[in-house]
């Protein structure tokens, strides 16, 4: 295991799978609320587990994104796939600069990112600034994914300013908060089911939690990181996650566990995570998963807390994905 060094390791690596992921919650001057997600994927078709021969290319590039109009309960997903033009790059040098189709992710300076997306039915142009330092999950930024390993760090508290534009409408100024993940490694995503969430509480604490089910041996793996107001990470060893409500997609027929109870007895945390609306499913014809904006309420240290979250539910289909 190599020690993560920033900003060098913000750029791309020669691994089987890698992604740069942002989610966030935005509000306009008119108090309209939006959620956004964008993820840049880089996949080595030969190093990936299992090896992918679906496409006759060495490296696959994907961008998945969406805009959620929380006020109107409308969901707008978008997908960019696999072929890379000469002017596009996922740099492997000491600078984060990902340019793919209509999407640009560029580090302007330390901890400040320009994220630009220009396509139908929406566009956004955002400057995202880290308010806390990066946190390295499992303390060193190296975690278990089933039987494999992955590098993983996050910026959990970020400020967002910019504009979003819906088709045939004028740009809308927005501001809000965001979360950023960067993960890479030679890990097996096949026969895995994972339920992941990033939570931002109104007491300036953040929480990352996930449950991974290895379908080959039916074993669950739990992990959580708690980040305090000063940016200090605590690895949680007593995470309790329980699904309490499911929703069936009319498009795919998949039954997703979209409402959860989360408990951490050692930290006196008891939270309920609910989607802002149910229909936030991503389905590009290859990958099928639920990824959406959520609200959080509950208790921490005998005090009421509330917050916002993003949740990702992958691997709940009964028919295997063509990619993972």
C-alpha atoms as a PDB file:
ATOM      1  CA  UNK A   1       0.000   0.000   0.000  1.00  0.00           C
ATOM      2  CA  UNK A   2       1.289   3.420  -0.993  1.00  0.00           C
ATOM      3  CA  UNK A   3       0.517   6.469   1.116  1.00  0.00           C
ATOM      4  CA  UNK A   4      -1.960   8.868  -0.530  1.00  0.00           C
ATOM      5  CA  UNK A   5      -0.318  12.184  -1.385  1.00  0.00           C
ATOM      6  CA  UNK A   6      -2.377  15.195  -2.421  1.00  0.00           C
ATOM      7  CA  UNK A   7      -2.551  16.889  -4.864  1.00  0.00           C
ATOM      8  CA  UNK A   8      -0.616  14.209  -6.812  1.00  0.00           C
ATOM      9  CA  UNK A   9      -3.151  11.461  -6.139  1.00  0.00           C
ATOM     10  CA  UNK A  10      -6.087  13.620  -7.197  1.00  0.00           C
ATOM     11  CA  UNK A  11      -5.132  12.764 -10.773  1.00  0.00           C
ATOM     12  CA  UNK A  12      -5.781   9.441 -12.517  1.00  0.00           C
ATOM     13  CA  UNK A  13      -4.062   6.132 -11.704  1.00  0.00           C
ATOM     14  CA  UNK A  14      -3.301   2.994 -13.685  1.00  0.00           C
ATOM     15  CA  UNK A  15      -5.819   0.807 -11.884  1.00  0.00           C
ATOM     16  CA  UNK A  16      -8.759  -1.339 -12.904  1.00  0.00           C
ATOM     17  CA  UNK A  17     -11.444   1.044 -11.675  1.00  0.00           C
ATOM     18  CA  UNK A  18     -11.402   4.695 -10.649  1.00  0.00           C
ATOM     19  CA  UNK A  19     -13.943   7.438 -10.157  1.00  0.00           C
ATOM     20  CA  UNK A  20     -14.232  11.059  -9.122  1.00  0.00           C
ATOM     21  CA  UNK A  21     -17.658  11.725  -7.648  1.00  0.00           C
ATOM     22  CA  UNK A  22     -19.517  14.843  -6.514  1.00  0.00           C
ATOM     23  CA  UNK A  23     -22.951  15.276  -5.008  1.00  0.00           C
ATOM     24  CA  UNK A  24     -24.587  18.318  -3.521  1.00  0.00           C
ATOM     25  CA  UNK A  25     -27.604  20.345  -2.528  1.00  0.00           C
ATOM     26  CA  UNK A  26     -28.266  23.752  -4.015  1.00  0.00           C
ATOM     27  CA  UNK A  27     -30.737  26.568  -3.424  1.00  0.00           C
ATOM     28  CA  UNK A  28     -31.647  29.473  -5.687  1.00  0.00           C
ATOM     29  CA  UNK A  29     -32.394  33.064  -4.653  1.00  0.00           C
ATOM     30  CA  UNK A  30     -36.072  32.119  -5.039  1.00  0.00           C
ATOM     31  CA  UNK A  31     -35.585  29.282  -2.494  1.00  0.00           C
ATOM     32  CA  UNK A  32     -35.986  26.545  -5.098  1.00  0.00           C
ATOM     33  CA  UNK A  33     -34.032  23.433  -4.088  1.00  0.00           C
ATOM     34  CA  UNK A  34     -31.933  21.178  -6.304  1.00  0.00           C
ATOM     35  CA  UNK A  35     -29.723  18.135  -5.904  1.00  0.00           C
ATOM     36  CA  UNK A  36     -26.901  17.234  -8.260  1.00  0.00           C
ATOM     37  CA  UNK A  37     -24.582  14.291  -8.824  1.00  0.00           C
ATOM     38  CA  UNK A  38     -21.788  13.747 -11.293  1.00  0.00           C
ATOM     39  CA  UNK A  39     -19.271  10.908 -11.472  1.00  0.00           C
ATOM     40  CA  UNK A  40     -16.330  10.458 -13.828  1.00  0.00           C
ATOM     41  CA  UNK A  41     -15.446   6.778 -14.328  1.00  0.00           C
ATOM     42  CA  UNK A  42     -12.205   5.400 -15.766  1.00  0.00           C
ATOM     43  CA  UNK A  43     -12.175   1.612 -16.302  1.00  0.00           C
ATOM     44  CA  UNK A  44      -9.260  -0.504 -17.515  1.00  0.00           C
ATOM     45  CA  UNK A  45     -10.983  -3.300 -19.415  1.00  0.00           C
ATOM     46  CA  UNK A  46      -8.137  -5.774 -18.792  1.00  0.00           C
ATOM     47  CA  UNK A  47      -7.294  -4.954 -15.168  1.00  0.00           C
ATOM     48  CA  UNK A  48     -10.899  -4.711 -14.048  1.00  0.00           C
ATOM     49  CA  UNK A  49     -12.304  -7.679 -12.155  1.00  0.00           C
ATOM     50  CA  UNK A  50     -13.867  -9.473 -13.908  1.00  0.00           C
ATOM     51  CA  UNK A  51     -12.110  -8.572 -17.151  1.00  0.00           C
ATOM     52  CA  UNK A  52     -14.495  -6.789 -19.492  1.00  0.00           C
ATOM     53  CA  UNK A  53     -14.597  -7.896 -23.102  1.00  0.00           C
ATOM     54  CA  UNK A  54     -17.935  -6.292 -23.849  1.00  0.00           C
ATOM     55  CA  UNK A  55     -16.220  -3.456 -25.718  1.00  0.00           C
ATOM     56  CA  UNK A  56     -13.083  -3.762 -27.929  1.00  0.00           C
ATOM     57  CA  UNK A  57     -11.173  -0.949 -26.174  1.00  0.00           C
ATOM     58  CA  UNK A  58      -8.459  -0.933 -23.518  1.00  0.00           C
ATOM     59  CA  UNK A  59      -9.850   1.858 -21.342  1.00  0.00           C
ATOM     60  CA  UNK A  60     -13.478   2.840 -20.884  1.00  0.00           C
ATOM     61  CA  UNK A  61     -14.612   6.318 -19.863  1.00  0.00           C
ATOM     62  CA  UNK A  62     -18.048   7.147 -18.505  1.00  0.00           C
ATOM     63  CA  UNK A  63     -19.727  10.186 -17.005  1.00  0.00           C
ATOM     64  CA  UNK A  64     -22.995   9.748 -15.137  1.00  0.00           C
ATOM     65  CA  UNK A  65     -24.790  12.817 -13.837  1.00  0.00           C
ATOM     66  CA  UNK A  66     -28.168  14.090 -12.820  1.00  0.00           C
ATOM     67  CA  UNK A  67     -30.039  17.158 -11.666  1.00  0.00           C
ATOM     68  CA  UNK A  68     -32.905  16.710  -9.192  1.00  0.00           C
ATOM     69  CA  UNK A  69     -35.476  19.484  -8.977  1.00  0.00           C
ATOM     70  CA  UNK A  70     -36.420  18.821  -5.374  1.00  0.00           C
ATOM     71  CA  UNK A  71     -39.082  21.531  -5.342  1.00  0.00           C
ATOM     72  CA  UNK A  72     -40.923  20.019  -8.327  1.00  0.00           C
ATOM     73  CA  UNK A  73     -39.834  16.403  -7.646  1.00  0.00           C
ATOM     74  CA  UNK A  74     -38.390  16.041 -11.153  1.00  0.00           C
ATOM     75  CA  UNK A  75     -35.320  13.981 -12.045  1.00  0.00           C
ATOM     76  CA  UNK A  76     -33.049  14.512 -15.052  1.00  0.00           C
ATOM     77  CA  UNK A  77     -30.299  11.881 -15.575  1.00  0.00           C
ATOM     78  CA  UNK A  78     -27.614  11.983 -18.253  1.00  0.00           C
ATOM     79  CA  UNK A  79     -24.958   9.495 -19.445  1.00  0.00           C
ATOM     80  CA  UNK A  80     -21.786   9.774 -21.549  1.00  0.00           C
ATOM     81  CA  UNK A  81     -20.084   6.541 -22.623  1.00  0.00           C
ATOM     82  CA  UNK A  82     -16.783   4.947 -23.450  1.00  0.00           C
ATOM     83  CA  UNK A  83     -15.190   6.603 -26.503  1.00  0.00           C
ATOM     84  CA  UNK A  84     -12.644   9.339 -25.941  1.00  0.00           C
ATOM     85  CA  UNK A  85     -11.871  12.065 -28.492  1.00  0.00           C
ATOM     86  CA  UNK A  86      -8.297  13.346 -29.040  1.00  0.00           C
ATOM     87  CA  UNK A  87      -8.936  16.607 -27.174  1.00  0.00           C
ATOM     88  CA  UNK A  88     -10.363  14.811 -24.139  1.00  0.00           C
ATOM     89  CA  UNK A  89      -8.240  13.656 -21.234  1.00  0.00           C
ATOM     90  CA  UNK A  90      -8.267  11.912 -17.892  1.00  0.00           C
ATOM     91  CA  UNK A  91      -4.808  13.119 -16.936  1.00  0.00           C
ATOM     92  CA  UNK A  92      -2.358  10.843 -15.127  1.00  0.00           C
ATOM     93  CA  UNK A  93      -0.072  13.706 -14.142  1.00  0.00           C
ATOM     94  CA  UNK A  94       0.015  15.770 -10.960  1.00  0.00           C
ATOM     95  CA  UNK A  95      -3.092  17.797 -11.742  1.00  0.00           C
ATOM     96  CA  UNK A  96      -6.771  16.964 -11.691  1.00  0.00           C
ATOM     97  CA  UNK A  97      -8.127  17.874 -15.117  1.00  0.00           C
ATOM     98  CA  UNK A  98     -10.840  15.596 -16.484  1.00  0.00           C
ATOM     99  CA  UNK A  99     -12.398  16.678 -19.752  1.00  0.00           C
ATOM    100  CA  UNK A 100     -14.892  14.310 -21.285  1.00  0.00           C
ATOM    101  CA  UNK A 101     -17.500  15.206 -23.864  1.00  0.00           C
ATOM    102  CA  UNK A 102     -19.651  17.998 -22.429  1.00  0.00           C
ATOM    103  CA  UNK A 103     -18.154  17.760 -18.930  1.00  0.00           C
ATOM    104  CA  UNK A 104     -15.160  19.456 -17.349  1.00  0.00           C
ATOM    105  CA  UNK A 105     -13.631  18.946 -13.908  1.00  0.00           C
ATOM    106  CA  UNK A 106     -10.602  21.105 -13.174  1.00  0.00           C
ATOM    107  CA  UNK A 107      -8.761  21.920  -9.969  1.00  0.00           C
ATOM    108  CA  UNK A 108      -8.290  25.714 -10.021  1.00  0.00           C
ATOM    109  CA  UNK A 109      -6.098  25.741  -6.909  1.00  0.00           C
ATOM    110  CA  UNK A 110      -5.738  23.609  -3.797  1.00  0.00           C
ATOM    111  CA  UNK A 111      -9.195  22.569  -2.670  1.00  0.00           C
ATOM    112  CA  UNK A 112     -11.062  24.590  -5.321  1.00  0.00           C
ATOM    113  CA  UNK A 113     -12.685  22.886  -8.312  1.00  0.00           C
ATOM    114  CA  UNK A 114     -14.477  24.073 -11.431  1.00  0.00           C
ATOM    115  CA  UNK A 115     -17.229  21.691 -12.481  1.00  0.00           C
ATOM    116  CA  UNK A 116     -18.956  22.389 -15.786  1.00  0.00           C
ATOM    117  CA  UNK A 117     -21.580  20.339 -17.578  1.00  0.00           C
ATOM    118  CA  UNK A 118     -23.244  21.432 -20.798  1.00  0.00           C
ATOM    119  CA  UNK A 119     -25.901  19.178 -22.271  1.00  0.00           C
ATOM    120  CA  UNK A 120     -29.636  18.744 -22.546  1.00  0.00           C
ATOM    121  CA  UNK A 121     -31.848  18.913 -20.563  1.00  0.00           C
ATOM    122  CA  UNK A 122     -29.706  20.938 -18.138  1.00  0.00           C
ATOM    123  CA  UNK A 123     -26.367  22.620 -17.645  1.00  0.00           C
ATOM    124  CA  UNK A 124     -24.426  23.622 -14.591  1.00  0.00           C
ATOM    125  CA  UNK A 125     -21.353  25.766 -14.018  1.00  0.00           C
ATOM    126  CA  UNK A 126     -20.136  25.481 -10.432  1.00  0.00           C
ATOM    127  CA  UNK A 127     -17.129  26.471  -8.342  1.00  0.00           C
ATOM    128  CA  UNK A 128     -16.745  24.050  -5.425  1.00  0.00           C
ATOM    129  CA  UNK A 129     -14.474  24.935  -2.494  1.00  0.00           C
ATOM    130  CA  UNK A 130     -13.388  22.589   0.295  1.00  0.00           C
ATOM    131  CA  UNK A 131     -14.079  23.989   3.780  1.00  0.00           C
ATOM    132  CA  UNK A 132     -12.445  21.081   5.610  1.00  0.00           C
ATOM    133  CA  UNK A 133      -9.330  19.107   4.626  1.00  0.00           C
ATOM    134  CA  UNK A 134      -9.584  15.768   2.838  1.00  0.00           C
ATOM    135  CA  UNK A 135     -10.296  12.759   5.047  1.00  0.00           C
ATOM    136  CA  UNK A 136      -8.717   9.345   4.441  1.00  0.00           C
ATOM    137  CA  UNK A 137     -11.173   6.560   5.186  1.00  0.00           C
ATOM    138  CA  UNK A 138      -9.982   3.785   7.465  1.00  0.00           C
ATOM    139  CA  UNK A 139      -7.493   6.472   8.608  1.00  0.00           C
ATOM    140  CA  UNK A 140      -4.976   5.751   5.829  1.00  0.00           C
ATOM    141  CA  UNK A 141      -7.320   5.967   2.846  1.00  0.00           C
ATOM    142  CA  UNK A 142      -7.209   2.239   2.130  1.00  0.00           C
ATOM    143  CA  UNK A 143     -10.362   0.198   2.728  1.00  0.00           C
ATOM    144  CA  UNK A 144     -11.714  -3.282   2.164  1.00  0.00           C
ATOM    145  CA  UNK A 145     -14.230  -3.900  -0.612  1.00  0.00           C
ATOM    146  CA  UNK A 146     -15.186  -7.475   0.070  1.00  0.00           C
ATOM    147  CA  UNK A 147     -11.981  -9.450  -0.440  1.00  0.00           C
ATOM    148  CA  UNK A 148     -10.266  -6.623  -2.339  1.00  0.00           C
ATOM    149  CA  UNK A 149      -8.771  -3.245  -1.430  1.00  0.00           C
ATOM    150  CA  UNK A 150      -9.437   0.300  -2.572  1.00  0.00           C
ATOM    151  CA  UNK A 151      -7.877   3.720  -2.063  1.00  0.00           C
ATOM    152  CA  UNK A 152     -10.551   6.131  -0.871  1.00  0.00           C
ATOM    153  CA  UNK A 153     -10.575   9.723   0.354  1.00  0.00           C
ATOM    154  CA  UNK A 154     -13.273  12.408   0.521  1.00  0.00           C
ATOM    155  CA  UNK A 155     -13.869  16.109   0.872  1.00  0.00           C
ATOM    156  CA  UNK A 156     -16.953  16.027   3.094  1.00  0.00           C
ATOM    157  CA  UNK A 157     -17.655  19.735   3.592  1.00  0.00           C
ATOM    158  CA  UNK A 158     -17.601  21.875   0.451  1.00  0.00           C
ATOM    159  CA  UNK A 159     -19.178  25.193  -0.507  1.00  0.00           C
ATOM    160  CA  UNK A 160     -20.798  25.612  -3.930  1.00  0.00           C
ATOM    161  CA  UNK A 161     -21.518  28.751  -5.958  1.00  0.00           C
ATOM    162  CA  UNK A 162     -22.536  29.013  -9.600  1.00  0.00           C
ATOM    163  CA  UNK A 163     -25.427  28.625 -12.008  1.00  0.00           C
ATOM    164  CA  UNK A 164     -27.714  25.902 -13.272  1.00  0.00           C
ATOM    165  CA  UNK A 165     -29.736  26.123 -16.474  1.00  0.00           C
ATOM    166  CA  UNK A 166     -32.733  24.117 -17.586  1.00  0.00           C
ATOM    167  CA  UNK A 167     -33.491  23.795 -21.317  1.00  0.00           C
ATOM    168  CA  UNK A 168     -34.974  26.978 -22.819  1.00  0.00           C
ATOM    169  CA  UNK A 169     -34.652  28.782 -19.482  1.00  0.00           C
ATOM    170  CA  UNK A 170     -32.289  31.481 -18.235  1.00  0.00           C
ATOM    171  CA  UNK A 171     -29.399  30.550 -15.907  1.00  0.00           C
ATOM    172  CA  UNK A 172     -30.310  30.452 -12.216  1.00  0.00           C
ATOM    173  CA  UNK A 173     -27.790  31.496  -9.576  1.00  0.00           C
ATOM    174  CA  UNK A 174     -27.394  28.882  -6.850  1.00  0.00           C
ATOM    175  CA  UNK A 175     -25.351  28.228  -3.749  1.00  0.00           C
ATOM    176  CA  UNK A 176     -25.103  25.305  -1.411  1.00  0.00           C
ATOM    177  CA  UNK A 177     -22.961  22.417  -0.206  1.00  0.00           C
ATOM    178  CA  UNK A 178     -21.220  19.434  -1.803  1.00  0.00           C
ATOM    179  CA  UNK A 179     -19.353  16.208  -1.096  1.00  0.00           C
ATOM    180  CA  UNK A 180     -16.518  14.738  -3.171  1.00  0.00           C
ATOM    181  CA  UNK A 181     -15.215  11.141  -3.303  1.00  0.00           C
ATOM    182  CA  UNK A 182     -12.167   9.792  -5.136  1.00  0.00           C
ATOM    183  CA  UNK A 183     -11.679   6.036  -5.216  1.00  0.00           C
ATOM    184  CA  UNK A 184      -9.397   3.708  -7.179  1.00  0.00           C
ATOM    185  CA  UNK A 185      -8.046   0.168  -7.163  1.00  0.00           C
ATOM    186  CA  UNK A 186      -8.135  -3.307  -8.708  1.00  0.00           C
ATOM    187  CA  UNK A 187     -11.301  -4.446  -6.997  1.00  0.00           C
ATOM    188  CA  UNK A 188     -14.108  -6.767  -7.963  1.00  0.00           C
ATOM    189  CA  UNK A 189     -17.491  -5.101  -8.440  1.00  0.00           C
ATOM    190  CA  UNK A 190     -19.073  -8.235  -9.851  1.00  0.00           C
ATOM    191  CA  UNK A 191     -21.619 -10.024  -7.638  1.00  0.00           C
ATOM    192  CA  UNK A 192     -21.576  -7.106  -5.191  1.00  0.00           C
ATOM    193  CA  UNK A 193     -24.492  -5.189  -3.760  1.00  0.00           C
ATOM    194  CA  UNK A 194     -23.785  -1.968  -1.956  1.00  0.00           C
ATOM    195  CA  UNK A 195     -25.812   0.643  -0.114  1.00  0.00           C
ATOM    196  CA  UNK A 196     -23.839   3.847   0.452  1.00  0.00           C
ATOM    197  CA  UNK A 197     -24.682   7.226   1.913  1.00  0.00           C
ATOM    198  CA  UNK A 198     -23.004  10.563   2.574  1.00  0.00           C
ATOM    199  CA  UNK A 199     -24.654  12.572   5.344  1.00  0.00           C
ATOM    200  CA  UNK A 200     -24.186  16.229   6.304  1.00  0.00           C
ATOM    201  CA  UNK A 201     -25.725  17.228   9.637  1.00  0.00           C
ATOM    202  CA  UNK A 202     -26.634  20.734  10.778  1.00  0.00           C
ATOM    203  CA  UNK A 203     -24.147  20.536  13.683  1.00  0.00           C
ATOM    204  CA  UNK A 204     -21.239  20.527  11.188  1.00  0.00           C
ATOM    205  CA  UNK A 205     -20.645  16.776  11.447  1.00  0.00           C
ATOM    206  CA  UNK A 206     -20.495  14.523   8.387  1.00  0.00           C
ATOM    207  CA  UNK A 207     -20.884  10.781   8.096  1.00  0.00           C
ATOM    208  CA  UNK A 208     -20.037   8.277   5.352  1.00  0.00           C
ATOM    209  CA  UNK A 209     -21.543   4.824   5.736  1.00  0.00           C
ATOM    210  CA  UNK A 210     -21.953   1.765   3.547  1.00  0.00           C
ATOM    211  CA  UNK A 211     -22.990  -1.856   3.546  1.00  0.00           C
ATOM    212  CA  UNK A 212     -21.552  -4.236   0.947  1.00  0.00           C
ATOM    213  CA  UNK A 213     -23.043  -7.662   0.345  1.00  0.00           C
ATOM    214  CA  UNK A 214     -20.893 -10.230  -1.427  1.00  0.00           C
ATOM    215  CA  UNK A 215     -23.475 -12.310  -3.277  1.00  0.00           C
ATOM    216  CA  UNK A 216     -21.061 -15.238  -3.622  1.00  0.00           C
ATOM    217  CA  UNK A 217     -20.950 -15.957   0.129  1.00  0.00           C
ATOM    218  CA  UNK A 218     -23.858 -13.800   1.413  1.00  0.00           C
ATOM    219  CA  UNK A 219     -21.534 -11.934   3.808  1.00  0.00           C
ATOM    220  CA  UNK A 220     -22.172  -8.295   4.700  1.00  0.00           C
ATOM    221  CA  UNK A 221     -19.418  -5.741   5.276  1.00  0.00           C
ATOM    222  CA  UNK A 222     -20.160  -2.515   7.163  1.00  0.00           C
ATOM    223  CA  UNK A 223     -18.065   0.634   7.342  1.00  0.00           C
ATOM    224  CA  UNK A 224     -18.547   4.211   8.566  1.00  0.00           C
ATOM    225  CA  UNK A 225     -16.452   7.345   9.025  1.00  0.00           C
ATOM    226  CA  UNK A 226     -17.614  10.170  11.310  1.00  0.00           C
ATOM    227  CA  UNK A 227     -16.082  13.605  10.710  1.00  0.00           C
ATOM    228  CA  UNK A 228     -16.387  16.232  13.423  1.00  0.00           C
ATOM    229  CA  UNK A 229     -16.629  20.020  13.153  1.00  0.00           C
ATOM    230  CA  UNK A 230     -12.825  20.330  12.998  1.00  0.00           C
ATOM    231  CA  UNK A 231     -12.422  17.754  10.215  1.00  0.00           C
ATOM    232  CA  UNK A 232     -11.163  14.921  12.419  1.00  0.00           C
ATOM    233  CA  UNK A 233     -12.195  11.447  11.234  1.00  0.00           C
ATOM    234  CA  UNK A 234     -13.258   8.684  13.595  1.00  0.00           C
ATOM    235  CA  UNK A 235     -13.517   5.149  12.263  1.00  0.00           C
ATOM    236  CA  UNK A 236     -16.792   3.649  13.448  1.00  0.00           C
ATOM    237  CA  UNK A 237     -16.843   0.016  14.589  1.00  0.00           C
ATOM    238  CA  UNK A 238     -20.476  -0.350  15.685  1.00  0.00           C
ATOM    239  CA  UNK A 239     -22.486   0.851  12.694  1.00  0.00           C
ATOM    240  CA  UNK A 240     -26.056  -0.478  12.540  1.00  0.00           C
ATOM    241  CA  UNK A 241     -27.957  -0.067   9.257  1.00  0.00           C
ATOM    242  CA  UNK A 242     -31.507  -1.261   8.718  1.00  0.00           C
ATOM    243  CA  UNK A 243     -33.735  -0.774   5.678  1.00  0.00           C
ATOM    244  CA  UNK A 244     -37.297   0.175   6.709  1.00  0.00           C
ATOM    245  CA  UNK A 245     -38.997   0.970   3.389  1.00  0.00           C
ATOM    246  CA  UNK A 246     -38.615  -0.140  -0.225  1.00  0.00           C
ATOM    247  CA  UNK A 247     -39.719   1.315  -3.563  1.00  0.00           C
ATOM    248  CA  UNK A 248     -40.264  -0.563  -6.832  1.00  0.00           C
ATOM    249  CA  UNK A 249     -39.144   1.104 -10.057  1.00  0.00           C
ATOM    250  CA  UNK A 250     -41.764   1.118 -12.808  1.00  0.00           C
ATOM    251  CA  UNK A 251     -38.975   1.318 -15.396  1.00  0.00           C
ATOM    252  CA  UNK A 252     -36.786  -1.616 -14.315  1.00  0.00           C
ATOM    253  CA  UNK A 253     -38.883  -3.485 -11.757  1.00  0.00           C
ATOM    254  CA  UNK A 254     -36.041  -3.273  -9.230  1.00  0.00           C
ATOM    255  CA  UNK A 255     -37.012  -3.089  -5.569  1.00  0.00           C
ATOM    256  CA  UNK A 256     -34.780  -0.518  -3.843  1.00  0.00           C
ATOM    257  CA  UNK A 257     -34.374  -0.073  -0.049  1.00  0.00           C
ATOM    258  CA  UNK A 258     -34.840   3.701  -0.103  1.00  0.00           C
ATOM    259  CA  UNK A 259     -35.451   4.476   3.590  1.00  0.00           C
ATOM    260  CA  UNK A 260     -33.056   3.572   6.391  1.00  0.00           C
ATOM    261  CA  UNK A 261     -32.419   3.653  10.113  1.00  0.00           C
ATOM    262  CA  UNK A 262     -28.777   4.291  11.028  1.00  0.00           C
ATOM    263  CA  UNK A 263     -27.455   3.817  14.554  1.00  0.00           C
ATOM    264  CA  UNK A 264     -24.015   4.232  16.108  1.00  0.00           C
ATOM    265  CA  UNK A 265     -24.425   3.341  19.802  1.00  0.00           C
ATOM    266  CA  UNK A 266     -20.881   4.415  20.774  1.00  0.00           C
ATOM    267  CA  UNK A 267     -21.551   7.957  19.494  1.00  0.00           C
ATOM    268  CA  UNK A 268     -25.212   8.085  20.582  1.00  0.00           C
ATOM    269  CA  UNK A 269     -26.316   8.603  16.970  1.00  0.00           C
ATOM    270  CA  UNK A 270     -29.743   7.526  15.781  1.00  0.00           C
ATOM    271  CA  UNK A 271     -30.821   8.783  12.336  1.00  0.00           C
ATOM    272  CA  UNK A 272     -33.555   8.231   9.767  1.00  0.00           C
ATOM    273  CA  UNK A 273     -32.659   8.745   6.100  1.00  0.00           C
ATOM    274  CA  UNK A 274     -35.535   9.350   3.640  1.00  0.00           C
ATOM    275  CA  UNK A 275     -35.452  10.218  -0.077  1.00  0.00           C
ATOM    276  CA  UNK A 276     -36.691  13.675  -1.065  1.00  0.00           C
ATOM    277  CA  UNK A 277     -38.742  11.798  -3.664  1.00  0.00           C
ATOM    278  CA  UNK A 278     -38.682   8.184  -4.799  1.00  0.00           C
ATOM    279  CA  UNK A 279     -38.004   8.261  -8.535  1.00  0.00           C
ATOM    280  CA  UNK A 280     -34.271   9.018  -8.649  1.00  0.00           C
ATOM    281  CA  UNK A 281     -33.146   5.938 -10.552  1.00  0.00           C
ATOM    282  CA  UNK A 282     -30.158   5.872 -12.914  1.00  0.00           C
ATOM    283  CA  UNK A 283     -30.476   3.466 -15.858  1.00  0.00           C
ATOM    284  CA  UNK A 284     -28.284   3.801 -18.949  1.00  0.00           C
ATOM    285  CA  UNK A 285     -29.064   0.427 -20.509  1.00  0.00           C
ATOM    286  CA  UNK A 286     -26.010  -1.165 -18.857  1.00  0.00           C
ATOM    287  CA  UNK A 287     -25.961   0.019 -15.246  1.00  0.00           C
ATOM    288  CA  UNK A 288     -29.079   0.207 -13.102  1.00  0.00           C
ATOM    289  CA  UNK A 289     -28.950   1.840  -9.676  1.00  0.00           C
ATOM    290  CA  UNK A 290     -30.679   4.354  -7.432  1.00  0.00           C
ATOM    291  CA  UNK A 291     -28.819   7.569  -6.621  1.00  0.00           C
ATOM    292  CA  UNK A 292     -30.618  10.458  -5.026  1.00  0.00           C
ATOM    293  CA  UNK A 293     -31.091  13.360  -2.684  1.00  0.00           C
ATOM    294  CA  UNK A 294     -32.332  12.573   0.832  1.00  0.00           C
ATOM    295  CA  UNK A 295     -33.293  14.260   4.085  1.00  0.00           C
ATOM    296  CA  UNK A 296     -32.023  13.229   7.520  1.00  0.00           C
ATOM    297  CA  UNK A 297     -33.484  13.589  11.019  1.00  0.00           C
ATOM    298  CA  UNK A 298     -32.688  12.109  14.407  1.00  0.00           C
ATOM    299  CA  UNK A 299     -30.539  12.405  17.508  1.00  0.00           C
ATOM    300  CA  UNK A 300     -26.860  12.799  18.335  1.00  0.00           C
ATOM    301  CA  UNK A 301     -25.672  12.948  21.941  1.00  0.00           C
ATOM    302  CA  UNK A 302     -29.279  13.464  23.114  1.00  0.00           C
ATOM    303  CA  UNK A 303     -29.695  16.504  20.848  1.00  0.00           C
ATOM    304  CA  UNK A 304     -31.967  16.695  17.826  1.00  0.00           C
ATOM    305  CA  UNK A 305     -30.182  16.973  14.496  1.00  0.00           C
ATOM    306  CA  UNK A 306     -31.259  17.177  10.885  1.00  0.00           C
ATOM    307  CA  UNK A 307     -29.421  17.280   7.630  1.00  0.00           C
ATOM    308  CA  UNK A 308     -29.145  16.331   3.994  1.00  0.00           C
ATOM    309  CA  UNK A 309     -27.743  13.199   2.396  1.00  0.00           C
ATOM    310  CA  UNK A 310     -27.073  11.439  -0.854  1.00  0.00           C
ATOM    311  CA  UNK A 311     -27.676   7.725  -1.147  1.00  0.00           C
ATOM    312  CA  UNK A 312     -26.475   5.162  -3.706  1.00  0.00           C
ATOM    313  CA  UNK A 313     -28.070   1.710  -4.036  1.00  0.00           C
ATOM    314  CA  UNK A 314     -26.313  -0.664  -6.437  1.00  0.00           C
ATOM    315  CA  UNK A 315     -26.734  -4.349  -7.267  1.00  0.00           C
ATOM    316  CA  UNK A 316     -30.381  -4.826  -6.299  1.00  0.00           C
ATOM    317  CA  UNK A 317     -31.454  -6.114  -9.718  1.00  0.00           C
ATOM    318  CA  UNK A 318     -32.190  -9.823 -10.103  1.00  0.00           C
ATOM    319  CA  UNK A 319     -30.628  -9.844 -13.603  1.00  0.00           C
ATOM    320  CA  UNK A 320     -26.888  -9.149 -13.575  1.00  0.00           C
ATOM    321  CA  UNK A 321     -25.622  -5.876 -15.021  1.00  0.00           C
ATOM    322  CA  UNK A 322     -23.854  -6.191 -18.364  1.00  0.00           C
ATOM    323  CA  UNK A 323     -20.919  -4.226 -16.956  1.00  0.00           C
ATOM    324  CA  UNK A 324     -20.493  -5.196 -13.282  1.00  0.00           C
END
